[in-house]
Amino acid sequence: MKRRKSKAIPREIIRQQIYEIFSGHCAYCGKEINITEMQIDYVKTIHIGGKDDITNYRPMCRQCSFWQSL
């Protein structure tokens, strides 16, 4: 019996879920953010063993994203 490959959840739905889980606020500074400006951060990056799963994502504002990249 062949296993069916599950379809990936569309990015728009994942973004909306992350936004709702954090009530539209940056996970780092708490600033209210607009979903169109929201950046998504991994708690633990994929290349060091983090999962590509909604529990591993955090919403962040552009300012926190900038400071994380330094």
N, C-alpha and C. Protein backbone atom coordinates (compact mmCIF):
# COMPACT_ATOMS: atom_id res chain seq x y z
N MET A 1 0.84 -1.17 0.00
CA MET A 1 0.00 0.00 0.00
C MET A 1 0.90 1.25 0.00
N LYS A 2 0.61 2.16 -0.91
CA LYS A 2 1.38 3.39 -1.02
C LYS A 2 0.88 4.43 -0.03
N ARG A 3 1.84 5.06 0.66
CA ARG A 3 1.46 6.15 1.57
C ARG A 3 1.23 7.41 0.79
N ARG A 4 0.18 8.11 1.11
CA ARG A 4 -0.09 9.40 0.48
C ARG A 4 0.75 10.46 1.17
N LYS A 5 1.31 11.31 0.37
CA LYS A 5 2.07 12.42 0.91
C LYS A 5 1.10 13.51 1.30
N SER A 6 1.22 14.01 2.53
CA SER A 6 0.30 15.06 2.95
C SER A 6 0.67 16.37 2.29
N LYS A 7 -0.35 17.17 2.03
CA LYS A 7 -0.12 18.47 1.41
C LYS A 7 0.41 19.44 2.45
N ALA A 8 1.33 20.27 2.02
CA ALA A 8 1.87 21.30 2.92
C ALA A 8 0.78 22.33 3.20
N ILE A 9 0.79 22.85 4.41
CA ILE A 9 -0.16 23.90 4.77
C ILE A 9 0.29 25.19 4.07
N PRO A 10 -0.62 25.87 3.40
CA PRO A 10 -0.25 27.12 2.71
C PRO A 10 0.35 28.15 3.68
N ARG A 11 1.36 28.86 3.21
CA ARG A 11 2.08 29.86 4.02
C ARG A 11 1.14 30.90 4.63
N GLU A 12 0.11 31.30 3.88
CA GLU A 12 -0.81 32.33 4.37
C GLU A 12 -1.54 31.85 5.62
N ILE A 13 -1.90 30.57 5.64
CA ILE A 13 -2.60 30.01 6.80
C ILE A 13 -1.66 29.92 7.99
N ILE A 14 -0.42 29.49 7.76
CA ILE A 14 0.57 29.42 8.84
C ILE A 14 0.82 30.80 9.41
N ARG A 15 1.01 31.79 8.54
CA ARG A 15 1.24 33.17 9.00
C ARG A 15 0.07 33.65 9.86
N GLN A 16 -1.15 33.38 9.41
CA GLN A 16 -2.34 33.81 10.14
C GLN A 16 -2.40 33.13 11.51
N GLN A 17 -2.08 31.84 11.57
CA GLN A 17 -2.11 31.11 12.84
C GLN A 17 -1.07 31.66 13.81
N ILE A 18 0.13 31.91 13.33
CA ILE A 18 1.19 32.46 14.19
C ILE A 18 0.76 33.84 14.70
N TYR A 19 0.22 34.64 13.82
CA TYR A 19 -0.25 35.98 14.18
C TYR A 19 -1.31 35.90 15.28
N GLU A 20 -2.26 34.99 15.13
CA GLU A 20 -3.34 34.84 16.10
C GLU A 20 -2.85 34.27 17.44
N ILE A 21 -1.93 33.32 17.40
CA ILE A 21 -1.40 32.73 18.64
C ILE A 21 -0.78 33.81 19.53
N PHE A 22 -0.12 34.78 18.91
CA PHE A 22 0.54 35.85 19.66
C PHE A 22 -0.28 37.14 19.68
N SER A 23 -1.55 37.05 19.34
CA SER A 23 -2.48 38.18 19.38
C SER A 23 -1.95 39.41 18.66
N GLY A 24 -1.23 39.18 17.56
CA GLY A 24 -0.76 40.30 16.75
C GLY A 24 0.38 41.09 17.37
N HIS A 25 1.18 40.44 18.22
CA HIS A 25 2.28 41.13 18.90
C HIS A 25 3.61 40.42 18.62
N CYS A 26 4.67 41.19 18.62
CA CYS A 26 6.03 40.65 18.47
C CYS A 26 6.33 39.77 19.68
N ALA A 27 6.86 38.60 19.43
CA ALA A 27 7.19 37.66 20.52
C ALA A 27 8.36 38.15 21.37
N TYR A 28 9.12 39.11 20.87
CA TYR A 28 10.32 39.56 21.57
C TYR A 28 10.13 40.86 22.34
N CYS A 29 9.55 41.88 21.70
CA CYS A 29 9.40 43.16 22.39
C CYS A 29 7.96 43.46 22.80
N GLY A 30 7.01 42.67 22.29
CA GLY A 30 5.61 42.84 22.66
C GLY A 30 4.87 43.91 21.86
N LYS A 31 5.55 44.55 20.93
CA LYS A 31 4.94 45.60 20.12
C LYS A 31 3.83 45.01 19.24
N GLU A 32 2.73 45.75 19.12
CA GLU A 32 1.66 45.32 18.22
C GLU A 32 2.15 45.45 16.79
N ILE A 33 1.92 44.42 15.99
CA ILE A 33 2.39 44.42 14.61
C ILE A 33 1.25 44.08 13.65
N ASN A 34 1.40 44.54 12.42
CA ASN A 34 0.46 44.24 11.36
C ASN A 34 0.91 42.94 10.70
N ILE A 35 -0.01 42.07 10.35
CA ILE A 35 0.36 40.79 9.76
C ILE A 35 1.16 40.95 8.47
N THR A 36 0.92 42.01 7.73
CA THR A 36 1.65 42.21 6.47
C THR A 36 3.10 42.62 6.72
N GLU A 37 3.40 43.15 7.89
CA GLU A 37 4.75 43.57 8.23
C GLU A 37 5.47 42.56 9.12
N MET A 38 4.75 41.54 9.55
CA MET A 38 5.30 40.54 10.48
C MET A 38 6.41 39.73 9.82
N GLN A 39 7.49 39.55 10.56
CA GLN A 39 8.57 38.65 10.17
C GLN A 39 8.38 37.37 10.98
N ILE A 40 8.86 36.25 10.48
CA ILE A 40 8.75 35.00 11.22
C ILE A 40 10.14 34.49 11.56
N ASP A 41 10.32 34.15 12.82
CA ASP A 41 11.61 33.69 13.32
C ASP A 41 11.46 32.25 13.81
N TYR A 42 12.51 31.47 13.69
CA TYR A 42 12.55 30.13 14.26
C TYR A 42 13.07 30.22 15.69
N VAL A 43 12.47 29.48 16.59
CA VAL A 43 12.98 29.38 17.95
C VAL A 43 14.33 28.66 17.88
N LYS A 44 14.35 27.54 17.16
CA LYS A 44 15.58 26.78 16.93
C LYS A 44 15.67 26.56 15.41
N THR A 45 16.72 27.09 14.80
CA THR A 45 16.82 27.01 13.35
C THR A 45 16.87 25.57 12.85
N ILE A 46 16.39 25.40 11.64
CA ILE A 46 16.30 24.08 11.02
C ILE A 46 17.67 23.41 10.91
N HIS A 47 18.69 24.19 10.53
CA HIS A 47 20.01 23.58 10.31
C HIS A 47 20.69 23.09 11.59
N ILE A 48 20.16 23.46 12.77
CA ILE A 48 20.71 22.90 14.00
C ILE A 48 19.71 21.97 14.70
N GLY A 49 18.74 21.49 13.91
CA GLY A 49 17.82 20.49 14.44
C GLY A 49 16.43 20.95 14.79
N GLY A 50 16.12 22.22 14.55
CA GLY A 50 14.77 22.71 14.81
C GLY A 50 13.77 22.11 13.84
N LYS A 51 12.54 22.02 14.27
CA LYS A 51 11.50 21.44 13.42
C LYS A 51 10.83 22.51 12.57
N ASP A 52 10.42 22.10 11.38
CA ASP A 52 9.65 22.99 10.51
C ASP A 52 8.18 22.80 10.91
N ASP A 53 7.85 23.38 12.06
CA ASP A 53 6.56 23.17 12.69
C ASP A 53 6.10 24.49 13.31
N ILE A 54 4.81 24.71 13.37
CA ILE A 54 4.27 25.97 13.89
C ILE A 54 4.73 26.26 15.32
N THR A 55 5.03 25.23 16.10
CA THR A 55 5.49 25.46 17.48
C THR A 55 6.91 26.00 17.51
N ASN A 56 7.60 25.98 16.39
CA ASN A 56 8.98 26.47 16.32
C ASN A 56 9.06 27.87 15.70
N TYR A 57 7.92 28.48 15.42
CA TYR A 57 7.88 29.81 14.80
C TYR A 57 7.49 30.87 15.82
N ARG A 58 8.02 32.07 15.65
CA ARG A 58 7.66 33.21 16.48
C ARG A 58 7.50 34.44 15.57
N PRO A 59 6.46 35.25 15.82
CA PRO A 59 6.31 36.48 15.04
C PRO A 59 7.24 37.54 15.60
N MET A 60 7.76 38.37 14.73
CA MET A 60 8.61 39.47 15.20
C MET A 60 8.39 40.70 14.34
N CYS A 61 8.61 41.85 14.97
CA CYS A 61 8.52 43.11 14.25
C CYS A 61 9.81 43.31 13.45
N ARG A 62 9.80 44.26 12.54
CA ARG A 62 10.98 44.51 11.71
C ARG A 62 12.18 44.96 12.54
N GLN A 63 11.95 45.73 13.59
CA GLN A 63 13.04 46.20 14.41
C GLN A 63 13.74 45.04 15.13
N CYS A 64 12.98 44.14 15.70
CA CYS A 64 13.57 42.97 16.36
C CYS A 64 14.27 42.06 15.36
N SER A 65 13.70 41.95 14.17
CA SER A 65 14.32 41.16 13.11
C SER A 65 15.67 41.75 12.74
N PHE A 66 15.73 43.06 12.66
CA PHE A 66 17.00 43.74 12.35
C PHE A 66 18.04 43.45 13.43
N TRP A 67 17.65 43.58 14.70
CA TRP A 67 18.60 43.37 15.79
C TRP A 67 19.03 41.91 15.88
N GLN A 68 18.16 40.99 15.51
CA GLN A 68 18.52 39.55 15.52
C GLN A 68 19.56 39.23 14.45
N SER A 69 19.53 40.01 13.36
CA SER A 69 20.45 39.73 12.25
C SER A 69 21.85 40.29 12.45
N LEU A 70 22.05 41.10 13.48
CA LEU A 70 23.37 41.69 13.71
C LEU A 70 24.32 40.71 14.35
